[in-house]
Amino acid sequence: MKCDLCGGRVSEEKISYTLFYEGHWIIVENVPAKVCNQCGEKLFDADTVDRLQATIWKKQKPERKIETPVFNLAH
């Protein structure tokens, strides 16, 4: 399969999906995706998108929480 954006080769991988939602960062691990080896574009099938939306919108209890440092370059 080739990437729709750049024509590069696409491979299937498990990735971490990160989203800023309702004032919080959310990380979903082991998400199946097709990833372009050239430009990094990530493609998800419909079932994966449905599962991501259900996980995030239904506010399921996370397996664990992590502390994340935040930096500000304006100072």
PDB file of N, CA and C in Angstrom:
ATOM      1  N   MET A   1       0.846  -1.180   0.000  1.00  0.00           N
ATOM      2  CA  MET A   1       0.000   0.000   0.000  1.00  0.00           C
ATOM      3  C   MET A   1       0.890   1.242   0.000  1.00  0.00           C
ATOM      4  N   LYS A   2       0.423   2.291  -0.663  1.00  0.00           N
ATOM      5  CA  LYS A   2       1.162   3.552  -0.717  1.00  0.00           C
ATOM      6  C   LYS A   2       0.399   4.656   0.013  1.00  0.00           C
ATOM      7  N   CYS A   3       1.150   5.592   0.542  1.00  0.00           N
ATOM      8  CA  CYS A   3       0.599   6.739   1.261  1.00  0.00           C
ATOM      9  C   CYS A   3      -0.146   7.650   0.294  1.00  0.00           C
ATOM     10  N   ASP A   4      -1.328   8.111   0.700  1.00  0.00           N
ATOM     11  CA  ASP A   4      -2.117   9.035  -0.117  1.00  0.00           C
ATOM     12  C   ASP A   4      -1.467  10.413  -0.211  1.00  0.00           C
ATOM     13  N   LEU A   5      -0.663  10.788   0.787  1.00  0.00           N
ATOM     14  CA  LEU A   5      -0.062  12.116   0.790  1.00  0.00           C
ATOM     15  C   LEU A   5       1.213  12.205  -0.038  1.00  0.00           C
ATOM     16  N   CYS A   6       2.121  11.233   0.178  1.00  0.00           N
ATOM     17  CA  CYS A   6       3.444  11.369  -0.454  1.00  0.00           C
ATOM     18  C   CYS A   6       3.819  10.212  -1.376  1.00  0.00           C
ATOM     19  N   GLY A   7       3.008   9.155  -1.372  1.00  0.00           N
ATOM     20  CA  GLY A   7       3.319   8.009  -2.207  1.00  0.00           C
ATOM     21  C   GLY A   7       4.310   7.039  -1.589  1.00  0.00           C
ATOM     22  N   GLY A   8       4.734   7.295  -0.348  1.00  0.00           N
ATOM     23  CA  GLY A   8       5.685   6.425   0.334  1.00  0.00           C
ATOM     24  C   GLY A   8       5.067   5.089   0.717  1.00  0.00           C
ATOM     25  N   ARG A   9       5.909   4.164   1.106  1.00  0.00           N
ATOM     26  CA  ARG A   9       5.467   2.832   1.499  1.00  0.00           C
ATOM     27  C   ARG A   9       4.816   2.885   2.877  1.00  0.00           C
ATOM     28  N   VAL A  10       3.714   2.160   3.053  1.00  0.00           N
ATOM     29  CA  VAL A  10       2.958   2.130   4.306  1.00  0.00           C
ATOM     30  C   VAL A  10       3.098   0.757   4.944  1.00  0.00           C
ATOM     31  N   SER A  11       3.330   0.729   6.264  1.00  0.00           N
ATOM     32  CA  SER A  11       3.413  -0.539   6.979  1.00  0.00           C
ATOM     33  C   SER A  11       2.467  -0.526   8.177  1.00  0.00           C
ATOM     34  N   GLU A  12       2.013  -1.720   8.566  1.00  0.00           N
ATOM     35  CA  GLU A  12       1.118  -1.832   9.715  1.00  0.00           C
ATOM     36  C   GLU A  12       1.938  -1.854  10.993  1.00  0.00           C
ATOM     37  N   GLU A  13       1.517  -1.031  11.961  1.00  0.00           N
ATOM     38  CA  GLU A  13       2.226  -0.911  13.235  1.00  0.00           C
ATOM     39  C   GLU A  13       1.221  -0.726  14.361  1.00  0.00           C
ATOM     40  N   LYS A  14       1.692  -0.875  15.585  1.00  0.00           N
ATOM     41  CA  LYS A  14       0.928  -0.509  16.782  1.00  0.00           C
ATOM     42  C   LYS A  14       1.551   0.778  17.296  1.00  0.00           C
ATOM     43  N   ILE A  15       0.731   1.819  17.453  1.00  0.00           N
ATOM     44  CA  ILE A  15       1.236   3.127  17.858  1.00  0.00           C
ATOM     45  C   ILE A  15       0.552   3.592  19.146  1.00  0.00           C
ATOM     46  N   SER A  16       1.056   4.679  19.701  1.00  0.00           N
ATOM     47  CA  SER A  16       0.383   5.377  20.785  1.00  0.00           C
ATOM     48  C   SER A  16      -0.325   6.580  20.176  1.00  0.00           C
ATOM     49  N   TYR A  17      -1.631   6.682  20.414  1.00  0.00           N
ATOM     50  CA  TYR A  17      -2.453   7.773  19.892  1.00  0.00           C
ATOM     51  C   TYR A  17      -2.611   8.797  21.008  1.00  0.00           C
ATOM     52  N   THR A  18      -2.250  10.042  20.737  1.00  0.00           N
ATOM     53  CA  THR A  18      -2.299  11.102  21.738  1.00  0.00           C
ATOM     54  C   THR A  18      -3.291  12.172  21.308  1.00  0.00           C
ATOM     55  N   LEU A  19      -4.116  12.623  22.255  1.00  0.00           N
ATOM     56  CA  LEU A  19      -5.158  13.604  21.952  1.00  0.00           C
ATOM     57  C   LEU A  19      -5.348  14.533  23.142  1.00  0.00           C
ATOM     58  N   PHE A  20      -5.501  15.840  22.879  1.00  0.00           N
ATOM     59  CA  PHE A  20      -5.863  16.798  23.927  1.00  0.00           C
ATOM     60  C   PHE A  20      -7.374  16.942  23.877  1.00  0.00           C
ATOM     61  N   TYR A  21      -8.074  16.512  24.923  1.00  0.00           N
ATOM     62  CA  TYR A  21      -9.540  16.458  24.933  1.00  0.00           C
ATOM     63  C   TYR A  21     -10.065  16.975  26.268  1.00  0.00           C
ATOM     64  N   GLU A  22     -10.937  17.955  26.211  1.00  0.00           N
ATOM     65  CA  GLU A  22     -11.563  18.548  27.396  1.00  0.00           C
ATOM     66  C   GLU A  22     -10.534  18.938  28.467  1.00  0.00           C
ATOM     67  N   GLY A  23      -9.443  19.560  28.007  1.00  0.00           N
ATOM     68  CA  GLY A  23      -8.443  20.088  28.925  1.00  0.00           C
ATOM     69  C   GLY A  23      -7.432  19.090  29.450  1.00  0.00           C
ATOM     70  N   HIS A  24      -7.438  17.876  28.912  1.00  0.00           N
ATOM     71  CA  HIS A  24      -6.526  16.838  29.385  1.00  0.00           C
ATOM     72  C   HIS A  24      -5.879  16.122  28.205  1.00  0.00           C
ATOM     73  N   TRP A  25      -4.644  15.688  28.403  1.00  0.00           N
ATOM     74  CA  TRP A  25      -3.991  14.838  27.414  1.00  0.00           C
ATOM     75  C   TRP A  25      -4.415  13.402  27.657  1.00  0.00           C
ATOM     76  N   ILE A  26      -4.742  12.711  26.581  1.00  0.00           N
ATOM     77  CA  ILE A  26      -5.132  11.308  26.639  1.00  0.00           C
ATOM     78  C   ILE A  26      -4.183  10.527  25.737  1.00  0.00           C
ATOM     79  N   ILE A  27      -3.688   9.404  26.241  1.00  0.00           N
ATOM     80  CA  ILE A  27      -2.822   8.530  25.455  1.00  0.00           C
ATOM     81  C   ILE A  27      -3.480   7.156  25.385  1.00  0.00           C
ATOM     82  N   VAL A  28      -3.649   6.648  24.177  1.00  0.00           N
ATOM     83  CA  VAL A  28      -4.170   5.299  23.977  1.00  0.00           C
ATOM     84  C   VAL A  28      -3.050   4.491  23.337  1.00  0.00           C
ATOM     85  N   GLU A  29      -2.626   3.431  24.006  1.00  0.00           N
ATOM     86  CA  GLU A  29      -1.502   2.628  23.531  1.00  0.00           C
ATOM     87  C   GLU A  29      -1.972   1.456  22.673  1.00  0.00           C
ATOM     88  N   ASN A  30      -1.060   0.938  21.880  1.00  0.00           N
ATOM     89  CA  ASN A  30      -1.277  -0.251  21.060  1.00  0.00           C
ATOM     90  C   ASN A  30      -2.429  -0.102  20.066  1.00  0.00           C
ATOM     91  N   VAL A  31      -2.486   1.046  19.420  1.00  0.00           N
ATOM     92  CA  VAL A  31      -3.512   1.327  18.418  1.00  0.00           C
ATOM     93  C   VAL A  31      -3.009   0.837  17.055  1.00  0.00           C
ATOM     94  N   PRO A  32      -3.753  -0.057  16.392  1.00  0.00           N
ATOM     95  CA  PRO A  32      -3.325  -0.504  15.067  1.00  0.00           C
ATOM     96  C   PRO A  32      -3.469   0.627  14.046  1.00  0.00           C
ATOM     97  N   ALA A  33      -2.413   0.844  13.270  1.00  0.00           N
ATOM     98  CA  ALA A  33      -2.422   1.920  12.275  1.00  0.00           C
ATOM     99  C   ALA A  33      -1.555   1.521  11.095  1.00  0.00           C
ATOM    100  N   LYS A  34      -1.842   2.129   9.973  1.00  0.00           N
ATOM    101  CA  LYS A  34      -0.966   2.031   8.815  1.00  0.00           C
ATOM    102  C   LYS A  34      -0.145   3.319   8.819  1.00  0.00           C
ATOM    103  N   VAL A  35       1.189   3.186   8.876  1.00  0.00           N
ATOM    104  CA  VAL A  35       2.070   4.337   9.039  1.00  0.00           C
ATOM    105  C   VAL A  35       2.985   4.443   7.826  1.00  0.00           C
ATOM    106  N   CYS A  36       3.051   5.652   7.239  1.00  0.00           N
ATOM    107  CA  CYS A  36       3.923   5.889   6.099  1.00  0.00           C
ATOM    108  C   CYS A  36       5.368   5.938   6.582  1.00  0.00           C
ATOM    109  N   ASN A  37       6.216   5.141   5.951  1.00  0.00           N
ATOM    110  CA  ASN A  37       7.631   5.104   6.321  1.00  0.00           C
ATOM    111  C   ASN A  37       8.376   6.354   5.865  1.00  0.00           C
ATOM    112  N   GLN A  38       7.768   7.132   4.980  1.00  0.00           N
ATOM    113  CA  GLN A  38       8.434   8.326   4.444  1.00  0.00           C
ATOM    114  C   GLN A  38       8.016   9.600   5.181  1.00  0.00           C
ATOM    115  N   CYS A  39       6.700   9.853   5.271  1.00  0.00           N
ATOM    116  CA  CYS A  39       6.243  11.122   5.871  1.00  0.00           C
ATOM    117  C   CYS A  39       5.641  10.967   7.264  1.00  0.00           C
ATOM    118  N   GLY A  40       5.369   9.722   7.703  1.00  0.00           N
ATOM    119  CA  GLY A  40       4.838   9.502   9.043  1.00  0.00           C
ATOM    120  C   GLY A  40       3.328   9.591   9.166  1.00  0.00           C
ATOM    121  N   GLU A  41       2.621   9.835   8.066  1.00  0.00           N
ATOM    122  CA  GLU A  41       1.156   9.892   8.090  1.00  0.00           C
ATOM    123  C   GLU A  41       0.606   8.592   8.673  1.00  0.00           C
ATOM    124  N   LYS A  42      -0.422   8.710   9.531  1.00  0.00           N
ATOM    125  CA  LYS A  42      -1.035   7.551  10.160  1.00  0.00           C
ATOM    126  C   LYS A  42      -2.466   7.398   9.666  1.00  0.00           C
ATOM    127  N   LEU A  43      -2.825   6.185   9.267  1.00  0.00           N
ATOM    128  CA  LEU A  43      -4.164   5.882   8.777  1.00  0.00           C
ATOM    129  C   LEU A  43      -4.788   4.816   9.670  1.00  0.00           C
ATOM    130  N   PHE A  44      -6.083   4.996   9.993  1.00  0.00           N
ATOM    131  CA  PHE A  44      -6.793   4.064  10.870  1.00  0.00           C
ATOM    132  C   PHE A  44      -8.006   3.515  10.129  1.00  0.00           C
ATOM    133  N   ASP A  45      -8.317   2.226  10.353  1.00  0.00           N
ATOM    134  CA  ASP A  45      -9.526   1.684   9.740  1.00  0.00           C
ATOM    135  C   ASP A  45     -10.741   2.109  10.572  1.00  0.00           C
ATOM    136  N   ALA A  46     -11.931   1.909  10.033  1.00  0.00           N
ATOM    137  CA  ALA A  46     -13.162   2.390  10.665  1.00  0.00           C
ATOM    138  C   ALA A  46     -13.373   1.773  12.046  1.00  0.00           C
ATOM    139  N   ASP A  47     -13.072   0.480  12.205  1.00  0.00           N
ATOM    140  CA  ASP A  47     -13.246  -0.177  13.496  1.00  0.00           C
ATOM    141  C   ASP A  47     -12.340   0.448  14.558  1.00  0.00           C
ATOM    142  N   THR A  48     -11.115   0.752  14.186  1.00  0.00           N
ATOM    143  CA  THR A  48     -10.177   1.375  15.121  1.00  0.00           C
ATOM    144  C   THR A  48     -10.658   2.762  15.526  1.00  0.00           C
ATOM    145  N   VAL A  49     -11.160   3.538  14.570  1.00  0.00           N
ATOM    146  CA  VAL A  49     -11.690   4.869  14.881  1.00  0.00           C
ATOM    147  C   VAL A  49     -12.868   4.756  15.842  1.00  0.00           C
ATOM    148  N   ASP A  50     -13.771   3.797  15.602  1.00  0.00           N
ATOM    149  CA  ASP A  50     -14.908   3.591  16.506  1.00  0.00           C
ATOM    150  C   ASP A  50     -14.441   3.248  17.910  1.00  0.00           C
ATOM    151  N   ARG A  51     -13.436   2.374  18.025  1.00  0.00           N
ATOM    152  CA  ARG A  51     -12.924   1.975  19.336  1.00  0.00           C
ATOM    153  C   ARG A  51     -12.244   3.146  20.040  1.00  0.00           C
ATOM    154  N   LEU A  52     -11.490   3.963  19.298  1.00  0.00           N
ATOM    155  CA  LEU A  52     -10.857   5.152  19.881  1.00  0.00           C
ATOM    156  C   LEU A  52     -11.911   6.118  20.409  1.00  0.00           C
ATOM    157  N   GLN A  53     -12.923   6.393  19.588  1.00  0.00           N
ATOM    158  CA  GLN A  53     -13.979   7.315  20.007  1.00  0.00           C
ATOM    159  C   GLN A  53     -14.709   6.803  21.238  1.00  0.00           C
ATOM    160  N   ALA A  54     -15.033   5.522  21.269  1.00  0.00           N
ATOM    161  CA  ALA A  54     -15.732   4.951  22.426  1.00  0.00           C
ATOM    162  C   ALA A  54     -14.869   5.062  23.677  1.00  0.00           C
ATOM    163  N   THR A  55     -13.595   4.782  23.564  1.00  0.00           N
ATOM    164  CA  THR A  55     -12.679   4.853  24.709  1.00  0.00           C
ATOM    165  C   THR A  55     -12.606   6.266  25.260  1.00  0.00           C
ATOM    166  N   ILE A  56     -12.491   7.250  24.368  1.00  0.00           N
ATOM    167  CA  ILE A  56     -12.310   8.638  24.785  1.00  0.00           C
ATOM    168  C   ILE A  56     -13.628   9.272  25.219  1.00  0.00           C
ATOM    169  N   TRP A  57     -14.670   9.154  24.424  1.00  0.00           N
ATOM    170  CA  TRP A  57     -15.932   9.829  24.717  1.00  0.00           C
ATOM    171  C   TRP A  57     -16.658   9.242  25.918  1.00  0.00           C
ATOM    172  N   LYS A  58     -16.528   7.941  26.134  1.00  0.00           N
ATOM    173  CA  LYS A  58     -17.214   7.323  27.274  1.00  0.00           C
ATOM    174  C   LYS A  58     -16.417   7.459  28.560  1.00  0.00           C
ATOM    175  N   LYS A  59     -15.245   8.086  28.448  1.00  0.00           N
ATOM    176  CA  LYS A  59     -14.398   8.363  29.611  1.00  0.00           C
ATOM    177  C   LYS A  59     -14.165   7.100  30.443  1.00  0.00           C
ATOM    178  N   GLN A  60     -13.751   6.047  29.751  1.00  0.00           N
ATOM    179  CA  GLN A  60     -13.438   4.802  30.437  1.00  0.00           C
ATOM    180  C   GLN A  60     -12.315   5.016  31.442  1.00  0.00           C
ATOM    181  N   LYS A  61     -12.271   4.191  32.447  1.00  0.00           N
ATOM    182  CA  LYS A  61     -11.213   4.293  33.455  1.00  0.00           C
ATOM    183  C   LYS A  61      -9.893   3.858  32.817  1.00  0.00           C
ATOM    184  N   PRO A  62      -8.856   4.703  32.907  1.00  0.00           N
ATOM    185  CA  PRO A  62      -7.573   4.347  32.294  1.00  0.00           C
ATOM    186  C   PRO A  62      -6.874   3.233  33.076  1.00  0.00           C
ATOM    187  N   GLU A  63      -5.998   2.508  32.377  1.00  0.00           N
ATOM    188  CA  GLU A  63      -5.200   1.467  33.031  1.00  0.00           C
ATOM    189  C   GLU A  63      -4.231   2.074  34.024  1.00  0.00           C
ATOM    190  N   ARG A  64      -3.707   3.244  33.689  1.00  0.00           N
ATOM    191  CA  ARG A  64      -2.783   3.935  34.589  1.00  0.00           C
ATOM    192  C   ARG A  64      -2.766   5.417  34.219  1.00  0.00           C
ATOM    193  N   LYS A  65      -2.205   6.239  35.085  1.00  0.00           N
ATOM    194  CA  LYS A  65      -2.027   7.658  34.818  1.00  0.00           C
ATOM    195  C   LYS A  65      -0.545   7.975  34.937  1.00  0.00           C
ATOM    196  N   ILE A  66      -0.103   8.976  34.169  1.00  0.00           N
ATOM    197  CA  ILE A  66       1.289   9.398  34.232  1.00  0.00           C
ATOM    198  C   ILE A  66       1.350  10.897  34.483  1.00  0.00           C
ATOM    199  N   GLU A  67       2.441  11.345  35.057  1.00  0.00           N
ATOM    200  CA  GLU A  67       2.670  12.768  35.268  1.00  0.00           C
ATOM    201  C   GLU A  67       3.499  13.275  34.090  1.00  0.00           C
ATOM    202  N   THR A  68       3.118  14.415  33.534  1.00  0.00           N
ATOM    203  CA  THR A  68       3.789  14.950  32.358  1.00  0.00           C
ATOM    204  C   THR A  68       4.348  16.332  32.648  1.00  0.00           C
ATOM    205  N   PRO A  69       5.648  16.534  32.442  1.00  0.00           N
ATOM    206  CA  PRO A  69       6.206  17.873  32.625  1.00  0.00           C
ATOM    207  C   PRO A  69       5.729  18.821  31.516  1.00  0.00           C
ATOM    208  N   VAL A  70       5.520  20.072  31.875  1.00  0.00           N
ATOM    209  CA  VAL A  70       5.059  21.081  30.914  1.00  0.00           C
ATOM    210  C   VAL A  70       6.069  22.230  30.933  1.00  0.00           C
ATOM    211  N   PHE A  71       6.517  22.637  29.761  1.00  0.00           N
ATOM    212  CA  PHE A  71       7.476  23.733  29.634  1.00  0.00           C
ATOM    213  C   PHE A  71       6.833  24.888  28.895  1.00  0.00           C
ATOM    214  N   ASN A  72       7.320  26.110  29.148  1.00  0.00           N
ATOM    215  CA  ASN A  72       6.787  27.297  28.508  1.00  0.00           C
ATOM    216  C   ASN A  72       7.940  28.112  27.932  1.00  0.00           C
ATOM    217  N   LEU A  73       7.994  28.252  26.641  1.00  0.00           N
ATOM    218  CA  LEU A  73       9.085  28.998  26.005  1.00  0.00           C
ATOM    219  C   LEU A  73       8.858  30.503  26.003  1.00  0.00           C
ATOM    220  N   ALA A  74       7.704  30.952  26.516  1.00  0.00           N
ATOM    221  CA  ALA A  74       7.436  32.385  26.560  1.00  0.00           C
ATOM    222  C   ALA A  74       8.207  33.076  27.686  1.00  0.00           C
ATOM    223  N   HIS A  75       8.759  32.323  28.596  1.00  0.00           N
ATOM    224  CA  HIS A  75       9.498  32.902  29.742  1.00  0.00           C
ATOM    225  C   HIS A  75      10.975  32.960  29.438  1.00  0.00           C
TER     226      HIS A  75
END
